[in-house]
Amino acid sequence: MNATILFSQIQDKLPKKIGGFKKALTANQNYSKPIMSNEELLKKLESLSETELKEVATILEKDELDSPSVCFWLHNFVLGSFGVSRFKVGHFKIGIIKLLILIIYQISYIATLLIRFDPQITFIFYLLVCAFWFIDLFSIGVFLRNKNLEKVNNIIDLVKARNAN
């Protein structure tokens, strides 16, 4: 196995260049910026010996990288209003906030039907649920790819540290 082959196997799960819109959505959050470029990661992989490279590949097989496609379609598109995608990328506070907003929306919707609760308040919570969901459609992929990059970098550092001793 060589570094280029290993890199090509994981490249689709690593960060891509993003435009200004996604940069604005992801600013100042955990995993909002990649710790290094993909080119730097490739150079780091190329600097490993053959045994270190095999060890990195073995660890990556056991501890798979998160799939951006699965995260988008399942965790974000289908279950996103429950905050699942935020929990997946490690943004637990925002995930809990999304879940609470959804619960409040559901309660206010039921109250609107049963006891003539103010529908404008229900509509405000509905807009919040939709806004969070829509923003996450564009931002979660960035966070997940950067998290994967950090995971690969940590595995490389671990293998280097093991073999240095």
C-alpha atoms as a PDB file:
ATOM      1  CA  MET A   1       0.000   0.000   0.000  1.00  0.00           C
ATOM      2  CA  ASN A   2       1.297   3.457  -0.779  1.00  0.00           C
ATOM      3  CA  ALA A   3       0.243   6.861   0.536  1.00  0.00           C
ATOM      4  CA  THR A   4      -1.466   7.980  -2.663  1.00  0.00           C
ATOM      5  CA  ILE A   5      -3.742   4.932  -2.741  1.00  0.00           C
ATOM      6  CA  LEU A   6      -4.674   5.342   0.931  1.00  0.00           C
ATOM      7  CA  PHE A   7      -5.335   9.043   0.420  1.00  0.00           C
ATOM      8  CA  SER A   8      -7.537   8.380  -2.614  1.00  0.00           C
ATOM      9  CA  GLN A   9      -9.594   5.901  -0.558  1.00  0.00           C
ATOM     10  CA  ILE A  10     -10.425   8.503   2.107  1.00  0.00           C
ATOM     11  CA  GLN A  11     -10.415  11.670  -0.007  1.00  0.00           C
ATOM     12  CA  ASP A  12     -14.206  11.785  -0.477  1.00  0.00           C
ATOM     13  CA  LYS A  13     -14.602  12.027   3.320  1.00  0.00           C
ATOM     14  CA  LEU A  14     -12.123  14.891   3.724  1.00  0.00           C
ATOM     15  CA  PRO A  15     -12.680  18.669   3.434  1.00  0.00           C
ATOM     16  CA  LYS A  16     -13.370  20.311   0.117  1.00  0.00           C
ATOM     17  CA  LYS A  17     -12.922  23.939  -0.794  1.00  0.00           C
ATOM     18  CA  ILE A  18     -15.985  25.875   0.327  1.00  0.00           C
ATOM     19  CA  GLY A  19     -17.398  29.208  -0.724  1.00  0.00           C
ATOM     20  CA  GLY A  20     -18.214  32.289   1.308  1.00  0.00           C
ATOM     21  CA  PHE A  21     -21.780  31.218   2.135  1.00  0.00           C
ATOM     22  CA  LYS A  22     -20.670  28.027   3.879  1.00  0.00           C
ATOM     23  CA  LYS A  23     -17.765  29.846   5.555  1.00  0.00           C
ATOM     24  CA  ALA A  24     -20.223  32.338   7.034  1.00  0.00           C
ATOM     25  CA  LEU A  25     -22.529  29.556   8.267  1.00  0.00           C
ATOM     26  CA  THR A  26     -19.730  27.603   9.919  1.00  0.00           C
ATOM     27  CA  ALA A  27     -17.664  30.438  11.375  1.00  0.00           C
ATOM     28  CA  ASN A  28     -16.450  30.178  14.986  1.00  0.00           C
ATOM     29  CA  GLN A  29     -17.804  26.693  15.639  1.00  0.00           C
ATOM     30  CA  ASN A  30     -16.029  23.460  16.522  1.00  0.00           C
ATOM     31  CA  TYR A  31     -14.567  21.880  13.360  1.00  0.00           C
ATOM     32  CA  SER A  32     -15.334  25.026  11.338  1.00  0.00           C
ATOM     33  CA  LYS A  33     -11.833  25.202   9.859  1.00  0.00           C
ATOM     34  CA  PRO A  34      -9.649  22.309   8.743  1.00  0.00           C
ATOM     35  CA  ILE A  35      -6.482  21.799  10.780  1.00  0.00           C
ATOM     36  CA  MET A  36      -4.478  21.328   7.565  1.00  0.00           C
ATOM     37  CA  SER A  37      -5.003  21.113   3.831  1.00  0.00           C
ATOM     38  CA  ASN A  38      -5.532  17.826   2.031  1.00  0.00           C
ATOM     39  CA  GLU A  39      -2.170  18.344   0.325  1.00  0.00           C
ATOM     40  CA  GLU A  40      -0.466  18.600   3.723  1.00  0.00           C
ATOM     41  CA  LEU A  41      -2.192  15.389   4.825  1.00  0.00           C
ATOM     42  CA  LEU A  42      -0.959  13.627   1.686  1.00  0.00           C
ATOM     43  CA  LYS A  43       2.598  14.795   2.405  1.00  0.00           C
ATOM     44  CA  LYS A  44       2.243  13.560   5.971  1.00  0.00           C
ATOM     45  CA  LEU A  45       1.090  10.168   4.693  1.00  0.00           C
ATOM     46  CA  GLU A  46       3.970  10.039   2.213  1.00  0.00           C
ATOM     47  CA  SER A  47       6.445  10.661   5.040  1.00  0.00           C
ATOM     48  CA  LEU A  48       5.366   7.432   6.787  1.00  0.00           C
ATOM     49  CA  SER A  49       7.272   4.201   6.403  1.00  0.00           C
ATOM     50  CA  GLU A  50       5.569   1.202   4.787  1.00  0.00           C
ATOM     51  CA  THR A  51       4.787  -0.426   8.156  1.00  0.00           C
ATOM     52  CA  GLU A  52       3.436   2.829   9.586  1.00  0.00           C
ATOM     53  CA  LEU A  53       1.263   3.287   6.507  1.00  0.00           C
ATOM     54  CA  LYS A  54      -0.143  -0.235   6.872  1.00  0.00           C
ATOM     55  CA  GLU A  55      -0.855   0.443  10.542  1.00  0.00           C
ATOM     56  CA  VAL A  56      -2.679   3.687   9.679  1.00  0.00           C
ATOM     57  CA  ALA A  57      -4.719   1.823   7.024  1.00  0.00           C
ATOM     58  CA  THR A  58      -5.603  -0.907   9.530  1.00  0.00           C
ATOM     59  CA  ILE A  59      -6.750   1.611  12.127  1.00  0.00           C
ATOM     60  CA  LEU A  60      -8.803   3.489   9.528  1.00  0.00           C
ATOM     61  CA  GLU A  61     -10.513   0.229   8.519  1.00  0.00           C
ATOM     62  CA  LYS A  62     -11.456  -0.520  12.131  1.00  0.00           C
ATOM     63  CA  ASP A  63     -12.359   3.043  13.101  1.00  0.00           C
ATOM     64  CA  GLU A  64     -14.126   4.132   9.933  1.00  0.00           C
ATOM     65  CA  LEU A  65     -14.466   7.762   8.969  1.00  0.00           C
ATOM     66  CA  ASP A  66     -17.979   9.167   9.017  1.00  0.00           C
ATOM     67  CA  SER A  67     -19.655   9.249   5.625  1.00  0.00           C
ATOM     68  CA  PRO A  68     -20.751  12.741   4.525  1.00  0.00           C
ATOM     69  CA  SER A  69     -23.490  11.177   2.353  1.00  0.00           C
ATOM     70  CA  VAL A  70     -25.007   9.188   5.218  1.00  0.00           C
ATOM     71  CA  CYS A  71     -24.732  12.183   7.511  1.00  0.00           C
ATOM     72  CA  PHE A  72     -26.467  14.432   4.978  1.00  0.00           C
ATOM     73  CA  TRP A  73     -29.314  12.122   3.984  1.00  0.00           C
ATOM     74  CA  LEU A  74     -30.006  10.273   7.233  1.00  0.00           C
ATOM     75  CA  HIS A  75     -28.745  12.402  10.105  1.00  0.00           C
ATOM     76  CA  ASN A  76     -29.450  15.781   8.544  1.00  0.00           C
ATOM     77  CA  PHE A  77     -32.166  15.577   5.903  1.00  0.00           C
ATOM     78  CA  VAL A  78     -34.387  12.962   7.597  1.00  0.00           C
ATOM     79  CA  LEU A  79     -33.576  13.433  11.303  1.00  0.00           C
ATOM     80  CA  GLY A  80     -32.095  16.938  11.243  1.00  0.00           C
ATOM     81  CA  SER A  81     -34.935  18.716  13.020  1.00  0.00           C
ATOM     82  CA  PHE A  82     -34.296  16.428  16.023  1.00  0.00           C
ATOM     83  CA  GLY A  83     -30.683  17.666  16.209  1.00  0.00           C
ATOM     84  CA  VAL A  84     -29.199  14.290  15.254  1.00  0.00           C
ATOM     85  CA  SER A  85     -26.710  15.791  12.795  1.00  0.00           C
ATOM     86  CA  ARG A  86     -25.406  18.210  15.432  1.00  0.00           C
ATOM     87  CA  PHE A  87     -24.926  15.359  17.895  1.00  0.00           C
ATOM     88  CA  LYS A  88     -23.063  13.424  15.176  1.00  0.00           C
ATOM     89  CA  VAL A  89     -20.474  16.186  14.695  1.00  0.00           C
ATOM     90  CA  GLY A  90     -20.100  16.858  18.420  1.00  0.00           C
ATOM     91  CA  HIS A  91     -22.150  20.051  18.740  1.00  0.00           C
ATOM     92  CA  PHE A  92     -24.165  18.798  21.702  1.00  0.00           C
ATOM     93  CA  LYS A  93     -25.392  22.176  22.980  1.00  0.00           C
ATOM     94  CA  ILE A  94     -26.813  23.183  19.605  1.00  0.00           C
ATOM     95  CA  GLY A  95     -28.301  19.692  19.183  1.00  0.00           C
ATOM     96  CA  ILE A  96     -30.101  20.012  22.514  1.00  0.00           C
ATOM     97  CA  ILE A  97     -31.317  23.508  21.603  1.00  0.00           C
ATOM     98  CA  LYS A  98     -32.690  22.177  18.284  1.00  0.00           C
ATOM     99  CA  LEU A  99     -34.430  19.326  20.069  1.00  0.00           C
ATOM    100  CA  LEU A 100     -35.965  21.667  22.661  1.00  0.00           C
ATOM    101  CA  ILE A 101     -37.210  24.056  19.965  1.00  0.00           C
ATOM    102  CA  LEU A 102     -38.823  21.119  18.166  1.00  0.00           C
ATOM    103  CA  ILE A 103     -40.496  19.914  21.379  1.00  0.00           C
ATOM    104  CA  ILE A 104     -41.779  23.412  22.161  1.00  0.00           C
ATOM    105  CA  TYR A 105     -43.090  23.691  18.604  1.00  0.00           C
ATOM    106  CA  GLN A 106     -44.911  20.353  18.908  1.00  0.00           C
ATOM    107  CA  ILE A 107     -46.434  21.310  22.256  1.00  0.00           C
ATOM    108  CA  SER A 108     -47.561  24.714  20.956  1.00  0.00           C
ATOM    109  CA  TYR A 109     -49.021  23.091  17.825  1.00  0.00           C
ATOM    110  CA  ILE A 110     -51.058  20.649  19.896  1.00  0.00           C
ATOM    111  CA  ALA A 111     -52.115  23.503  22.205  1.00  0.00           C
ATOM    112  CA  THR A 112     -53.199  25.532  19.167  1.00  0.00           C
ATOM    113  CA  LEU A 113     -55.431  22.676  18.044  1.00  0.00           C
ATOM    114  CA  LEU A 114     -56.872  21.839  21.451  1.00  0.00           C
ATOM    115  CA  ILE A 115     -57.158  25.082  23.428  1.00  0.00           C
ATOM    116  CA  ARG A 116     -56.897  27.819  20.811  1.00  0.00           C
ATOM    117  CA  PHE A 117     -53.303  28.742  21.720  1.00  0.00           C
ATOM    118  CA  ASP A 118     -51.902  31.713  19.751  1.00  0.00           C
ATOM    119  CA  PRO A 119     -50.972  30.323  16.306  1.00  0.00           C
ATOM    120  CA  GLN A 120     -48.422  33.101  15.742  1.00  0.00           C
ATOM    121  CA  ILE A 121     -46.213  31.716  18.512  1.00  0.00           C
ATOM    122  CA  THR A 122     -46.508  28.250  16.988  1.00  0.00           C
ATOM    123  CA  PHE A 123     -45.542  29.685  13.610  1.00  0.00           C
ATOM    124  CA  ILE A 124     -42.456  31.366  15.124  1.00  0.00           C
ATOM    125  CA  PHE A 125     -41.260  28.032  16.531  1.00  0.00           C
ATOM    126  CA  TYR A 126     -42.013  26.378  13.189  1.00  0.00           C
ATOM    127  CA  LEU A 127     -39.820  28.962  11.451  1.00  0.00           C
ATOM    128  CA  LEU A 128     -37.027  28.336  13.962  1.00  0.00           C
ATOM    129  CA  VAL A 129     -37.156  24.584  13.342  1.00  0.00           C
ATOM    130  CA  CYS A 130     -37.070  25.132   9.572  1.00  0.00           C
ATOM    131  CA  ALA A 131     -34.280  27.715   9.763  1.00  0.00           C
ATOM    132  CA  PHE A 132     -32.034  25.485  11.877  1.00  0.00           C
ATOM    133  CA  TRP A 133     -32.705  22.542   9.570  1.00  0.00           C
ATOM    134  CA  PHE A 134     -31.970  24.579   6.424  1.00  0.00           C
ATOM    135  CA  ILE A 135     -28.734  26.041   7.838  1.00  0.00           C
ATOM    136  CA  ASP A 136     -27.539  22.577   8.823  1.00  0.00           C
ATOM    137  CA  LEU A 137     -28.123  21.269   5.297  1.00  0.00           C
ATOM    138  CA  PHE A 138     -25.201  23.440   4.227  1.00  0.00           C
ATOM    139  CA  SER A 139     -22.979  23.408   7.302  1.00  0.00           C
ATOM    140  CA  ILE A 140     -22.942  19.864   8.719  1.00  0.00           C
ATOM    141  CA  GLY A 141     -20.967  18.440   5.799  1.00  0.00           C
ATOM    142  CA  VAL A 142     -18.202  20.979   6.421  1.00  0.00           C
ATOM    143  CA  PHE A 143     -18.022  20.092  10.105  1.00  0.00           C
ATOM    144  CA  LEU A 144     -18.046  16.354   9.433  1.00  0.00           C
ATOM    145  CA  ARG A 145     -15.300  16.491   6.803  1.00  0.00           C
ATOM    146  CA  ASN A 146     -13.097  18.613   9.063  1.00  0.00           C
ATOM    147  CA  LYS A 147     -13.733  16.187  11.921  1.00  0.00           C
ATOM    148  CA  ASN A 148     -12.662  13.298   9.653  1.00  0.00           C
ATOM    149  CA  LEU A 149      -9.483  15.172   8.721  1.00  0.00           C
ATOM    150  CA  GLU A 150      -8.676  15.691  12.380  1.00  0.00           C
ATOM    151  CA  LYS A 151      -9.334  11.999  13.075  1.00  0.00           C
ATOM    152  CA  VAL A 152      -6.920  10.899  10.301  1.00  0.00           C
ATOM    153  CA  ASN A 153      -4.285  13.364  11.536  1.00  0.00           C
ATOM    154  CA  ASN A 154      -4.607  12.032  15.092  1.00  0.00           C
ATOM    155  CA  ILE A 155      -4.245   8.440  13.853  1.00  0.00           C
ATOM    156  CA  ILE A 156      -1.075   9.351  11.952  1.00  0.00           C
ATOM    157  CA  ASP A 157       0.351  11.092  15.025  1.00  0.00           C
ATOM    158  CA  LEU A 158      -0.533   8.068  17.179  1.00  0.00           C
ATOM    159  CA  VAL A 159       1.195   5.657  14.826  1.00  0.00           C
ATOM    160  CA  LYS A 160       4.279   7.880  14.619  1.00  0.00           C
ATOM    161  CA  ALA A 161       4.415   8.127  18.416  1.00  0.00           C
ATOM    162  CA  ARG A 162       4.095   4.342  18.819  1.00  0.00           C
ATOM    163  CA  ASN A 163       6.874   3.640  16.347  1.00  0.00           C
ATOM    164  CA  ALA A 164       9.157   6.341  17.746  1.00  0.00           C
ATOM    165  CA  ASN A 165       9.440   4.412  21.038  1.00  0.00           C
END
